[in-house]
């Protein structure tokens, strides 16, 4: 576990059809990721890709920082709008679609 270490142990991933995924955001807790993923949706998922999003997976890192894997915890609602609803969180790291 990584209590108060600043570890980004949670993430939201958009699952695309027919296959593929886009990282929406990462955070220290599931509540931070839940609050931020809809806002990241408008920044990360292109308009033409939105119809192909089949699900958004909330995942948690399992294992040591250097040896582990992401494990699916639950599905989150797919936002209906481009902007979604952004929450506030100090440790959220939105991911840019175009670096």
N, C-alpha and C. Protein backbone atom coordinates (compact mmCIF):
# COMPACT_ATOMS: atom_id res chain seq x y z
N UNK A 1 0.84 -1.19 0.00
CA UNK A 1 0.00 0.00 0.00
C UNK A 1 0.88 1.24 0.00
N UNK A 2 0.33 2.33 -0.43
CA UNK A 2 1.12 3.56 -0.54
C UNK A 2 0.38 4.72 0.10
N UNK A 3 0.21 4.70 1.38
CA UNK A 3 -0.49 5.76 2.07
C UNK A 3 0.44 6.96 2.24
N UNK A 4 0.00 8.13 1.76
CA UNK A 4 0.73 9.38 1.87
C UNK A 4 2.10 9.37 1.19
N UNK A 5 2.28 8.56 0.21
CA UNK A 5 3.56 8.53 -0.50
C UNK A 5 3.49 9.28 -1.82
N UNK A 6 2.29 9.70 -2.22
CA UNK A 6 2.14 10.38 -3.50
C UNK A 6 2.08 9.43 -4.67
N UNK A 7 2.01 8.14 -4.41
CA UNK A 7 1.94 7.15 -5.49
C UNK A 7 0.62 7.29 -6.24
N UNK A 8 0.69 7.15 -7.54
CA UNK A 8 -0.50 7.22 -8.39
C UNK A 8 -1.02 5.81 -8.59
N UNK A 9 -1.78 5.30 -7.63
CA UNK A 9 -2.20 3.90 -7.60
C UNK A 9 -3.51 3.61 -8.31
N UNK A 10 -4.21 4.62 -8.77
CA UNK A 10 -5.50 4.44 -9.42
C UNK A 10 -5.48 5.12 -10.78
N UNK A 11 -6.27 4.57 -11.72
CA UNK A 11 -6.37 5.20 -13.03
C UNK A 11 -7.72 4.88 -13.67
N UNK A 12 -8.10 5.74 -14.62
CA UNK A 12 -9.29 5.51 -15.44
C UNK A 12 -8.82 5.34 -16.88
N UNK A 13 -9.30 4.26 -17.51
CA UNK A 13 -8.90 3.92 -18.88
C UNK A 13 -10.15 3.76 -19.73
N UNK A 14 -10.20 4.47 -20.86
CA UNK A 14 -11.31 4.31 -21.81
C UNK A 14 -11.00 3.11 -22.69
N UNK A 15 -11.94 2.17 -22.76
CA UNK A 15 -11.80 0.96 -23.58
C UNK A 15 -12.48 1.20 -24.92
N UNK A 16 -11.72 1.11 -26.00
CA UNK A 16 -12.23 1.39 -27.34
C UNK A 16 -12.53 0.11 -28.11
N UNK A 17 -13.49 0.21 -29.04
CA UNK A 17 -13.79 -0.92 -29.92
C UNK A 17 -13.12 -0.65 -31.26
N UNK A 18 -12.61 -1.61 -31.94
CA UNK A 18 -12.64 -3.04 -31.67
C UNK A 18 -11.60 -3.47 -30.65
N UNK A 19 -10.62 -2.65 -30.36
CA UNK A 19 -9.60 -2.96 -29.36
C UNK A 19 -8.76 -1.72 -29.16
N UNK A 20 -8.17 -1.59 -28.04
CA UNK A 20 -7.36 -0.42 -27.74
C UNK A 20 -7.91 0.30 -26.54
N UNK A 21 -7.11 1.21 -26.04
CA UNK A 21 -7.52 1.96 -24.86
C UNK A 21 -6.82 3.31 -24.83
N UNK A 22 -7.39 4.24 -24.06
CA UNK A 22 -6.81 5.56 -23.85
C UNK A 22 -6.80 5.82 -22.35
N UNK A 23 -5.65 6.21 -21.83
CA UNK A 23 -5.53 6.57 -20.42
C UNK A 23 -6.15 7.95 -20.23
N UNK A 24 -7.10 8.05 -19.30
CA UNK A 24 -7.76 9.32 -19.04
C UNK A 24 -7.07 10.11 -17.93
N UNK A 25 -6.84 9.47 -16.79
CA UNK A 25 -6.19 10.15 -15.68
C UNK A 25 -5.70 9.14 -14.66
N UNK A 26 -4.81 9.60 -13.80
CA UNK A 26 -4.30 8.79 -12.69
C UNK A 26 -4.41 9.60 -11.42
N UNK A 27 -4.46 8.92 -10.27
CA UNK A 27 -4.56 9.62 -8.99
C UNK A 27 -4.19 8.73 -7.84
N UNK A 28 -4.16 9.33 -6.65
CA UNK A 28 -3.79 8.61 -5.43
C UNK A 28 -4.93 7.78 -4.87
N UNK A 29 -6.17 8.10 -5.24
CA UNK A 29 -7.31 7.37 -4.69
C UNK A 29 -8.38 7.20 -5.76
N UNK A 30 -9.27 6.25 -5.51
CA UNK A 30 -10.36 6.03 -6.47
C UNK A 30 -11.27 7.25 -6.51
N UNK A 31 -11.48 7.92 -5.38
CA UNK A 31 -12.36 9.09 -5.37
C UNK A 31 -11.76 10.24 -6.19
N UNK A 32 -10.43 10.40 -6.16
CA UNK A 32 -9.80 11.43 -6.98
C UNK A 32 -9.97 11.13 -8.47
N UNK A 33 -9.78 9.89 -8.84
CA UNK A 33 -9.92 9.51 -10.25
C UNK A 33 -11.37 9.63 -10.68
N UNK A 34 -12.31 9.21 -9.83
CA UNK A 34 -13.73 9.34 -10.16
C UNK A 34 -14.11 10.80 -10.38
N UNK A 35 -13.53 11.71 -9.60
CA UNK A 35 -13.84 13.13 -9.72
C UNK A 35 -13.22 13.76 -10.96
N UNK A 36 -12.13 13.20 -11.47
CA UNK A 36 -11.40 13.84 -12.56
C UNK A 36 -11.61 13.24 -13.94
N UNK A 37 -12.06 11.98 -14.03
CA UNK A 37 -12.05 11.32 -15.34
C UNK A 37 -12.98 11.98 -16.35
N UNK A 38 -14.12 12.47 -15.91
CA UNK A 38 -15.06 13.07 -16.86
C UNK A 38 -14.49 14.35 -17.46
N UNK A 39 -13.75 15.11 -16.66
CA UNK A 39 -13.10 16.31 -17.18
C UNK A 39 -11.99 15.97 -18.15
N UNK A 40 -11.26 14.91 -17.85
CA UNK A 40 -10.18 14.47 -18.74
C UNK A 40 -10.74 13.92 -20.05
N UNK A 41 -11.95 13.39 -20.01
CA UNK A 41 -12.62 12.84 -21.19
C UNK A 41 -12.59 13.82 -22.35
N UNK A 42 -12.96 15.08 -22.10
CA UNK A 42 -13.01 16.09 -23.15
C UNK A 42 -11.66 16.46 -23.71
N UNK A 43 -10.61 16.27 -22.91
CA UNK A 43 -9.26 16.62 -23.35
C UNK A 43 -8.55 15.47 -24.06
N UNK A 44 -8.85 14.24 -23.66
CA UNK A 44 -8.09 13.08 -24.14
C UNK A 44 -8.77 12.37 -25.31
N UNK A 45 -10.09 12.22 -25.25
CA UNK A 45 -10.80 11.46 -26.28
C UNK A 45 -11.23 12.40 -27.41
N UNK A 46 -10.74 12.13 -28.61
CA UNK A 46 -11.10 12.95 -29.77
C UNK A 46 -12.56 12.73 -30.13
N UNK A 47 -13.16 13.74 -30.76
CA UNK A 47 -14.57 13.66 -31.16
C UNK A 47 -14.86 12.41 -31.97
N UNK A 48 -13.97 12.09 -32.92
CA UNK A 48 -14.22 10.93 -33.79
C UNK A 48 -14.05 9.60 -33.05
N UNK A 49 -13.36 9.60 -31.92
CA UNK A 49 -13.19 8.36 -31.15
C UNK A 49 -14.30 8.11 -30.13
N UNK A 50 -15.06 9.14 -29.78
CA UNK A 50 -16.08 8.98 -28.73
C UNK A 50 -17.09 7.87 -29.00
N UNK A 51 -17.57 7.71 -30.24
CA UNK A 51 -18.52 6.62 -30.48
C UNK A 51 -17.93 5.22 -30.29
N UNK A 52 -16.61 5.11 -30.33
CA UNK A 52 -15.98 3.79 -30.19
C UNK A 52 -15.68 3.42 -28.74
N UNK A 53 -15.89 4.36 -27.81
CA UNK A 53 -15.64 4.06 -26.39
C UNK A 53 -16.76 3.16 -25.89
N UNK A 54 -16.40 1.96 -25.48
CA UNK A 54 -17.38 0.97 -25.01
C UNK A 54 -17.51 0.96 -23.50
N UNK A 55 -16.47 1.37 -22.79
CA UNK A 55 -16.50 1.35 -21.32
C UNK A 55 -15.33 2.18 -20.80
N UNK A 56 -15.44 2.57 -19.54
CA UNK A 56 -14.33 3.20 -18.84
C UNK A 56 -14.04 2.35 -17.61
N UNK A 57 -12.83 1.86 -17.55
CA UNK A 57 -12.41 0.95 -16.48
C UNK A 57 -11.66 1.72 -15.40
N UNK A 58 -12.11 1.57 -14.15
CA UNK A 58 -11.38 2.09 -12.99
C UNK A 58 -10.45 0.98 -12.55
N UNK A 59 -9.15 1.27 -12.53
CA UNK A 59 -8.15 0.25 -12.24
C UNK A 59 -7.26 0.67 -11.08
N UNK A 60 -6.78 -0.33 -10.35
CA UNK A 60 -5.88 -0.10 -9.22
C UNK A 60 -4.59 -0.88 -9.44
N UNK A 61 -3.47 -0.27 -9.09
CA UNK A 61 -2.18 -0.93 -9.20
C UNK A 61 -2.05 -1.95 -8.09
N UNK A 62 -1.70 -3.17 -8.44
CA UNK A 62 -1.52 -4.25 -7.47
C UNK A 62 -0.07 -4.72 -7.53
N UNK A 63 0.60 -4.68 -6.41
CA UNK A 63 1.99 -5.12 -6.37
C UNK A 63 2.92 -4.00 -5.97
N UNK A 64 4.19 -4.27 -6.04
CA UNK A 64 5.20 -3.28 -5.72
C UNK A 64 5.30 -2.28 -6.87
N UNK A 65 5.89 -1.13 -6.59
CA UNK A 65 6.02 -0.09 -7.61
C UNK A 65 6.79 -0.58 -8.82
N UNK A 66 7.74 -1.45 -8.63
CA UNK A 66 8.59 -1.94 -9.71
C UNK A 66 8.12 -3.26 -10.30
N UNK A 67 7.14 -3.89 -9.67
CA UNK A 67 6.66 -5.19 -10.16
C UNK A 67 5.21 -5.38 -9.77
N UNK A 68 4.33 -5.18 -10.70
CA UNK A 68 2.90 -5.33 -10.43
C UNK A 68 2.12 -5.22 -11.71
N UNK A 69 0.82 -5.02 -11.56
CA UNK A 69 -0.03 -4.87 -12.74
C UNK A 69 -1.28 -4.10 -12.36
N UNK A 70 -1.92 -3.53 -13.38
CA UNK A 70 -3.18 -2.83 -13.18
C UNK A 70 -4.30 -3.86 -13.14
N UNK A 71 -5.18 -3.73 -12.14
CA UNK A 71 -6.32 -4.64 -12.01
C UNK A 71 -7.62 -3.86 -12.08
N UNK A 72 -8.54 -4.34 -12.93
CA UNK A 72 -9.86 -3.72 -13.07
C UNK A 72 -10.62 -3.82 -11.75
N UNK A 73 -11.25 -2.71 -11.33
CA UNK A 73 -12.05 -2.69 -10.11
C UNK A 73 -13.54 -2.58 -10.42
N UNK A 74 -13.89 -1.64 -11.30
CA UNK A 74 -15.29 -1.41 -11.67
C UNK A 74 -15.33 -0.59 -12.95
N UNK A 75 -16.53 -0.49 -13.53
CA UNK A 75 -16.72 0.36 -14.70
C UNK A 75 -17.31 1.68 -14.26
N UNK A 76 -16.88 2.77 -14.90
CA UNK A 76 -17.40 4.10 -14.65
C UNK A 76 -18.32 4.49 -15.80
N UNK A 77 -19.21 5.44 -15.55
CA UNK A 77 -20.12 5.90 -16.60
C UNK A 77 -19.33 6.61 -17.70
N UNK A 78 -19.72 6.36 -18.94
CA UNK A 78 -19.13 7.06 -20.08
C UNK A 78 -19.79 8.44 -20.15
N UNK A 79 -19.02 9.53 -20.09
CA UNK A 79 -19.61 10.87 -20.14
C UNK A 79 -20.37 11.09 -21.45
N UNK A 80 -21.46 11.84 -21.36
CA UNK A 80 -22.30 12.09 -22.54
C UNK A 80 -21.86 13.34 -23.29
N UNK A 81 -21.11 14.21 -22.63
CA UNK A 81 -20.72 15.47 -23.25
C UNK A 81 -19.22 15.53 -23.45
N UNK A 82 -18.79 16.49 -24.27
CA UNK A 82 -17.36 16.64 -24.55
C UNK A 82 -16.60 17.03 -23.29
N UNK A 83 -17.09 17.99 -22.54
CA UNK A 83 -16.37 18.50 -21.38
C UNK A 83 -16.52 17.65 -20.15
N UNK A 84 -17.63 16.94 -20.01
CA UNK A 84 -17.86 16.16 -18.81
C UNK A 84 -17.94 17.08 -17.60
N UNK A 85 -17.75 16.52 -16.43
CA UNK A 85 -17.74 17.29 -15.19
C UNK A 85 -16.38 17.12 -14.55
N UNK A 86 -15.63 18.17 -14.41
CA UNK A 86 -14.32 18.07 -13.80
C UNK A 86 -14.43 18.27 -12.30
N UNK A 87 -13.72 17.45 -11.57
CA UNK A 87 -13.64 17.60 -10.13
C UNK A 87 -12.30 18.20 -9.78
N UNK A 88 -12.13 18.51 -8.49
CA UNK A 88 -10.84 19.05 -8.09
C UNK A 88 -10.10 18.03 -7.26
N UNK A 89 -8.82 17.95 -7.49
CA UNK A 89 -7.98 17.03 -6.74
C UNK A 89 -6.53 17.43 -6.92
N UNK A 90 -5.80 17.51 -5.83
CA UNK A 90 -4.42 17.97 -5.89
C UNK A 90 -3.50 17.00 -6.60
N UNK A 91 -3.79 15.71 -6.56
CA UNK A 91 -2.83 14.73 -7.07
C UNK A 91 -3.27 14.09 -8.38
N UNK A 92 -4.20 14.70 -9.08
CA UNK A 92 -4.67 14.13 -10.33
C UNK A 92 -3.73 14.53 -11.45
N UNK A 93 -3.41 13.57 -12.30
CA UNK A 93 -2.54 13.81 -13.44
C UNK A 93 -3.30 13.50 -14.72
N UNK A 94 -3.98 14.52 -15.34
CA UNK A 94 -4.64 14.26 -16.62
C UNK A 94 -3.60 13.91 -17.67
N UNK A 95 -4.01 13.14 -18.64
CA UNK A 95 -3.09 12.69 -19.68
C UNK A 95 -3.48 13.36 -20.98
N UNK A 96 -2.53 13.97 -21.64
CA UNK A 96 -2.79 14.67 -22.88
C UNK A 96 -2.84 13.70 -24.06
N UNK A 97 -3.79 13.92 -24.96
CA UNK A 97 -3.91 13.06 -26.14
C UNK A 97 -2.77 13.32 -27.12
N UNK A 98 -2.31 14.55 -27.19
CA UNK A 98 -1.22 14.92 -28.10
C UNK A 98 -0.06 15.49 -27.29
N UNK A 99 0.94 14.65 -26.96
CA UNK A 99 2.04 15.13 -26.12
C UNK A 99 2.86 16.22 -26.76
